[in-house]
Amino acid sequence: MLLIKGTFRLPPENLDEALPAMRTMMQASRQEPGCVEYGYAHDVIDSGLIHVREMWRDREALDRHLTSTHLQVWRSTWSRLGISERRLVLYVVDEGTPV
């Protein structure tokens, strides 16, 4: 299982404009074969900071995602929305244990 965790920034005044594109990206990604989890969360303290969490079954599923049309469309909005400071890290994890 692959976990991607990280953040990106956008100007807080662009959040309302970014939300539809973020929703579209999340919905399309969640429909992909091999996607276990995909989400963005706005930080409640640091306005404009978006947390990213993705889980993929395997590298093949992630590689398909990285070439998907909806990812290309999402990336095409970054300049207009002022998205910056993208910091994502890929981890290899097991199934986990409830705590």
N, C-alpha and C. Protein backbone atom coordinates (compact mmCIF):
# COMPACT_ATOMS: atom_id res chain seq x y z
N MET A 1 0.85 -1.17 0.00
CA MET A 1 0.00 0.00 0.00
C MET A 1 0.89 1.23 0.00
N LEU A 2 0.48 2.25 -0.74
CA LEU A 2 1.25 3.49 -0.84
C LEU A 2 0.44 4.63 -0.22
N LEU A 3 1.09 5.38 0.64
CA LEU A 3 0.49 6.55 1.28
C LEU A 3 1.23 7.78 0.78
N ILE A 4 0.48 8.75 0.29
CA ILE A 4 1.05 10.05 -0.07
C ILE A 4 0.46 11.05 0.90
N LYS A 5 1.33 11.79 1.54
CA LYS A 5 0.90 12.77 2.54
C LYS A 5 1.68 14.04 2.31
N GLY A 6 1.02 15.17 2.46
CA GLY A 6 1.72 16.42 2.29
C GLY A 6 0.79 17.61 2.29
N THR A 7 1.28 18.70 1.73
CA THR A 7 0.53 19.96 1.73
C THR A 7 0.82 20.74 0.45
N PHE A 8 -0.06 21.70 0.20
CA PHE A 8 0.22 22.75 -0.78
C PHE A 8 -0.45 24.01 -0.27
N ARG A 9 -0.09 25.12 -0.85
CA ARG A 9 -0.66 26.41 -0.45
C ARG A 9 -1.38 27.07 -1.61
N LEU A 10 -2.38 27.86 -1.25
CA LEU A 10 -2.98 28.76 -2.21
C LEU A 10 -3.38 30.01 -1.45
N PRO A 11 -3.46 31.14 -2.12
CA PRO A 11 -3.87 32.35 -1.43
C PRO A 11 -5.27 32.14 -0.83
N PRO A 12 -5.47 32.47 0.44
CA PRO A 12 -6.77 32.24 1.08
C PRO A 12 -7.95 32.83 0.30
N GLU A 13 -7.71 33.94 -0.39
CA GLU A 13 -8.81 34.56 -1.15
C GLU A 13 -9.19 33.73 -2.38
N ASN A 14 -8.38 32.74 -2.75
CA ASN A 14 -8.69 31.88 -3.90
C ASN A 14 -9.35 30.56 -3.50
N LEU A 15 -9.55 30.35 -2.21
CA LEU A 15 -10.10 29.08 -1.75
C LEU A 15 -11.47 28.79 -2.35
N ASP A 16 -12.37 29.77 -2.34
CA ASP A 16 -13.71 29.54 -2.89
C ASP A 16 -13.66 29.17 -4.37
N GLU A 17 -12.76 29.77 -5.11
CA GLU A 17 -12.61 29.45 -6.52
C GLU A 17 -11.99 28.06 -6.71
N ALA A 18 -11.11 27.66 -5.79
CA ALA A 18 -10.41 26.38 -5.89
C ALA A 18 -11.29 25.19 -5.50
N LEU A 19 -12.26 25.40 -4.63
CA LEU A 19 -13.05 24.28 -4.10
C LEU A 19 -13.71 23.41 -5.18
N PRO A 20 -14.36 23.98 -6.20
CA PRO A 20 -14.95 23.10 -7.22
C PRO A 20 -13.92 22.24 -7.94
N ALA A 21 -12.76 22.80 -8.26
CA ALA A 21 -11.72 22.03 -8.93
C ALA A 21 -11.18 20.94 -8.00
N MET A 22 -11.06 21.24 -6.72
CA MET A 22 -10.59 20.26 -5.74
C MET A 22 -11.61 19.13 -5.60
N ARG A 23 -12.88 19.48 -5.53
CA ARG A 23 -13.93 18.45 -5.44
C ARG A 23 -13.92 17.53 -6.66
N THR A 24 -13.82 18.14 -7.83
CA THR A 24 -13.78 17.35 -9.07
C THR A 24 -12.59 16.40 -9.05
N MET A 25 -11.43 16.88 -8.65
CA MET A 25 -10.23 16.05 -8.59
C MET A 25 -10.41 14.91 -7.61
N MET A 26 -10.95 15.20 -6.43
CA MET A 26 -11.16 14.16 -5.42
C MET A 26 -12.14 13.11 -5.91
N GLN A 27 -13.26 13.55 -6.47
CA GLN A 27 -14.28 12.60 -6.92
C GLN A 27 -13.75 11.69 -8.02
N ALA A 28 -13.06 12.26 -8.99
CA ALA A 28 -12.52 11.46 -10.09
C ALA A 28 -11.44 10.49 -9.58
N SER A 29 -10.59 10.96 -8.69
CA SER A 29 -9.52 10.10 -8.17
C SER A 29 -10.09 8.95 -7.35
N ARG A 30 -11.10 9.22 -6.57
CA ARG A 30 -11.72 8.17 -5.74
C ARG A 30 -12.38 7.08 -6.57
N GLN A 31 -12.68 7.38 -7.82
CA GLN A 31 -13.28 6.39 -8.72
C GLN A 31 -12.25 5.52 -9.42
N GLU A 32 -10.99 5.88 -9.32
CA GLU A 32 -9.94 5.13 -10.02
C GLU A 32 -9.72 3.77 -9.37
N PRO A 33 -9.50 2.74 -10.20
CA PRO A 33 -9.14 1.43 -9.64
C PRO A 33 -7.85 1.54 -8.84
N GLY A 34 -7.85 1.00 -7.65
CA GLY A 34 -6.66 1.03 -6.81
C GLY A 34 -6.58 2.21 -5.86
N CYS A 35 -7.52 3.15 -5.96
CA CYS A 35 -7.53 4.27 -5.01
C CYS A 35 -8.26 3.81 -3.74
N VAL A 36 -7.56 3.87 -2.62
CA VAL A 36 -8.13 3.49 -1.33
C VAL A 36 -8.69 4.72 -0.64
N GLU A 37 -7.98 5.83 -0.78
CA GLU A 37 -8.40 7.08 -0.14
C GLU A 37 -7.79 8.25 -0.90
N TYR A 38 -8.54 9.35 -1.00
CA TYR A 38 -8.02 10.54 -1.66
C TYR A 38 -8.73 11.74 -1.08
N GLY A 39 -7.99 12.67 -0.50
CA GLY A 39 -8.66 13.82 0.08
C GLY A 39 -7.77 15.03 0.29
N TYR A 40 -8.43 16.18 0.32
CA TYR A 40 -7.81 17.45 0.65
C TYR A 40 -8.53 18.00 1.87
N ALA A 41 -7.81 18.71 2.73
CA ALA A 41 -8.41 19.33 3.91
C ALA A 41 -7.77 20.69 4.13
N HIS A 42 -8.61 21.69 4.32
CA HIS A 42 -8.14 23.05 4.58
C HIS A 42 -7.75 23.16 6.05
N ASP A 43 -6.56 23.64 6.32
CA ASP A 43 -6.09 23.80 7.69
C ASP A 43 -6.92 24.86 8.40
N VAL A 44 -7.42 24.54 9.60
CA VAL A 44 -8.30 25.48 10.30
C VAL A 44 -7.52 26.59 11.02
N ILE A 45 -6.21 26.46 11.11
CA ILE A 45 -5.40 27.49 11.76
C ILE A 45 -4.61 28.30 10.74
N ASP A 46 -4.04 27.62 9.75
CA ASP A 46 -3.17 28.26 8.76
C ASP A 46 -3.96 28.39 7.44
N SER A 47 -4.67 29.50 7.29
CA SER A 47 -5.53 29.70 6.12
C SER A 47 -4.71 29.64 4.84
N GLY A 48 -5.21 28.89 3.88
CA GLY A 48 -4.51 28.74 2.61
C GLY A 48 -3.63 27.50 2.55
N LEU A 49 -3.46 26.81 3.68
CA LEU A 49 -2.69 25.57 3.70
C LEU A 49 -3.67 24.41 3.51
N ILE A 50 -3.40 23.58 2.50
CA ILE A 50 -4.24 22.44 2.18
C ILE A 50 -3.45 21.17 2.46
N HIS A 51 -4.04 20.28 3.24
CA HIS A 51 -3.42 18.98 3.53
C HIS A 51 -3.90 17.96 2.50
N VAL A 52 -2.99 17.13 2.05
CA VAL A 52 -3.26 16.11 1.05
C VAL A 52 -3.01 14.74 1.68
N ARG A 53 -3.95 13.81 1.42
CA ARG A 53 -3.77 12.43 1.87
C ARG A 53 -4.31 11.52 0.78
N GLU A 54 -3.45 10.66 0.27
CA GLU A 54 -3.83 9.69 -0.75
C GLU A 54 -3.35 8.31 -0.31
N MET A 55 -4.14 7.29 -0.59
CA MET A 55 -3.69 5.91 -0.40
C MET A 55 -4.00 5.14 -1.68
N TRP A 56 -2.99 4.42 -2.16
CA TRP A 56 -3.11 3.64 -3.39
C TRP A 56 -2.74 2.19 -3.11
N ARG A 57 -3.45 1.28 -3.74
CA ARG A 57 -3.23 -0.15 -3.54
C ARG A 57 -1.81 -0.55 -3.92
N ASP A 58 -1.30 0.00 -5.04
CA ASP A 58 0.03 -0.39 -5.51
C ASP A 58 0.57 0.67 -6.46
N ARG A 59 1.79 0.47 -6.89
CA ARG A 59 2.47 1.44 -7.76
C ARG A 59 1.77 1.54 -9.12
N GLU A 60 1.25 0.44 -9.61
CA GLU A 60 0.55 0.46 -10.89
C GLU A 60 -0.66 1.40 -10.84
N ALA A 61 -1.43 1.34 -9.76
CA ALA A 61 -2.59 2.23 -9.61
C ALA A 61 -2.13 3.69 -9.52
N LEU A 62 -1.08 3.95 -8.77
CA LEU A 62 -0.58 5.32 -8.65
C LEU A 62 -0.06 5.82 -10.00
N ASP A 63 0.66 4.98 -10.72
CA ASP A 63 1.18 5.39 -12.03
C ASP A 63 0.04 5.73 -12.99
N ARG A 64 -1.05 4.96 -12.97
CA ARG A 64 -2.21 5.29 -13.81
C ARG A 64 -2.79 6.64 -13.41
N HIS A 65 -2.87 6.88 -12.11
CA HIS A 65 -3.38 8.16 -11.60
C HIS A 65 -2.52 9.32 -12.10
N LEU A 66 -1.22 9.14 -12.07
CA LEU A 66 -0.30 10.22 -12.45
C LEU A 66 -0.40 10.60 -13.92
N THR A 67 -1.00 9.75 -14.74
CA THR A 67 -1.19 10.06 -16.16
C THR A 67 -2.66 10.32 -16.50
N SER A 68 -3.51 10.41 -15.48
CA SER A 68 -4.94 10.58 -15.72
C SER A 68 -5.27 11.97 -16.25
N THR A 69 -6.32 12.03 -17.01
CA THR A 69 -6.78 13.30 -17.57
C THR A 69 -7.18 14.27 -16.47
N HIS A 70 -7.89 13.79 -15.45
CA HIS A 70 -8.35 14.71 -14.40
C HIS A 70 -7.18 15.30 -13.62
N LEU A 71 -6.07 14.57 -13.49
CA LEU A 71 -4.90 15.15 -12.83
C LEU A 71 -4.29 16.24 -13.71
N GLN A 72 -4.26 16.03 -15.01
CA GLN A 72 -3.72 17.05 -15.92
C GLN A 72 -4.60 18.30 -15.89
N VAL A 73 -5.91 18.12 -15.85
CA VAL A 73 -6.82 19.27 -15.76
C VAL A 73 -6.60 20.02 -14.45
N TRP A 74 -6.50 19.29 -13.34
CA TRP A 74 -6.25 19.90 -12.03
C TRP A 74 -4.95 20.71 -12.05
N ARG A 75 -3.89 20.11 -12.58
CA ARG A 75 -2.61 20.82 -12.64
C ARG A 75 -2.69 22.07 -13.51
N SER A 76 -3.53 22.06 -14.51
CA SER A 76 -3.65 23.24 -15.38
C SER A 76 -4.28 24.42 -14.65
N THR A 77 -4.91 24.21 -13.51
CA THR A 77 -5.52 25.31 -12.74
C THR A 77 -4.56 25.94 -11.74
N TRP A 78 -3.44 25.29 -11.49
CA TRP A 78 -2.56 25.72 -10.40
C TRP A 78 -2.07 27.15 -10.56
N SER A 79 -1.67 27.54 -11.74
CA SER A 79 -1.14 28.89 -11.96
C SER A 79 -2.22 29.93 -11.68
N ARG A 80 -3.40 29.69 -12.25
CA ARG A 80 -4.51 30.64 -12.07
C ARG A 80 -4.93 30.74 -10.60
N LEU A 81 -4.90 29.62 -9.87
CA LEU A 81 -5.32 29.61 -8.47
C LEU A 81 -4.21 30.04 -7.52
N GLY A 82 -2.98 30.16 -8.02
CA GLY A 82 -1.86 30.56 -7.18
C GLY A 82 -1.35 29.45 -6.28
N ILE A 83 -1.52 28.21 -6.70
CA ILE A 83 -1.06 27.07 -5.90
C ILE A 83 0.47 27.04 -5.90
N SER A 84 1.02 26.88 -4.71
CA SER A 84 2.48 26.89 -4.55
C SER A 84 2.87 25.98 -3.38
N GLU A 85 4.16 25.91 -3.15
CA GLU A 85 4.72 25.18 -2.00
C GLU A 85 4.15 23.76 -1.89
N ARG A 86 4.07 23.09 -3.01
CA ARG A 86 3.57 21.70 -3.02
C ARG A 86 4.64 20.79 -2.45
N ARG A 87 4.31 20.11 -1.38
CA ARG A 87 5.25 19.20 -0.72
C ARG A 87 4.53 17.90 -0.41
N LEU A 88 4.78 16.89 -1.22
CA LEU A 88 4.16 15.59 -1.02
C LEU A 88 5.26 14.55 -0.82
N VAL A 89 4.99 13.58 0.04
CA VAL A 89 5.94 12.51 0.32
C VAL A 89 5.22 11.18 0.15
N LEU A 90 5.88 10.24 -0.51
CA LEU A 90 5.35 8.90 -0.74
C LEU A 90 5.94 7.94 0.29
N TYR A 91 5.06 7.19 0.95
CA TYR A 91 5.46 6.19 1.94
C TYR A 91 4.92 4.83 1.51
N VAL A 92 5.68 3.78 1.77
CA VAL A 92 5.20 2.43 1.60
C VAL A 92 4.75 1.95 2.97
N VAL A 93 3.48 1.55 3.10
CA VAL A 93 2.91 1.18 4.40
C VAL A 93 2.19 -0.17 4.30
N ASP A 94 1.91 -0.74 5.46
CA ASP A 94 1.10 -1.97 5.47
C ASP A 94 -0.37 -1.58 5.63
N GLU A 95 -1.21 -2.53 5.93
CA GLU A 95 -2.65 -2.27 6.05
C GLU A 95 -2.99 -1.46 7.29
N GLY A 96 -2.07 -1.37 8.24
CA GLY A 96 -2.32 -0.61 9.45
C GLY A 96 -3.06 -1.42 10.51
N THR A 97 -3.09 -0.88 11.72
CA THR A 97 -3.77 -1.50 12.84
C THR A 97 -4.61 -0.44 13.53
N PRO A 98 -5.89 -0.70 13.78
CA PRO A 98 -6.72 0.28 14.49
C PRO A 98 -6.16 0.58 15.89
N VAL A 99 -6.26 1.83 16.28
CA VAL A 99 -5.82 2.21 17.63
C VAL A 99 -6.97 2.75 18.44
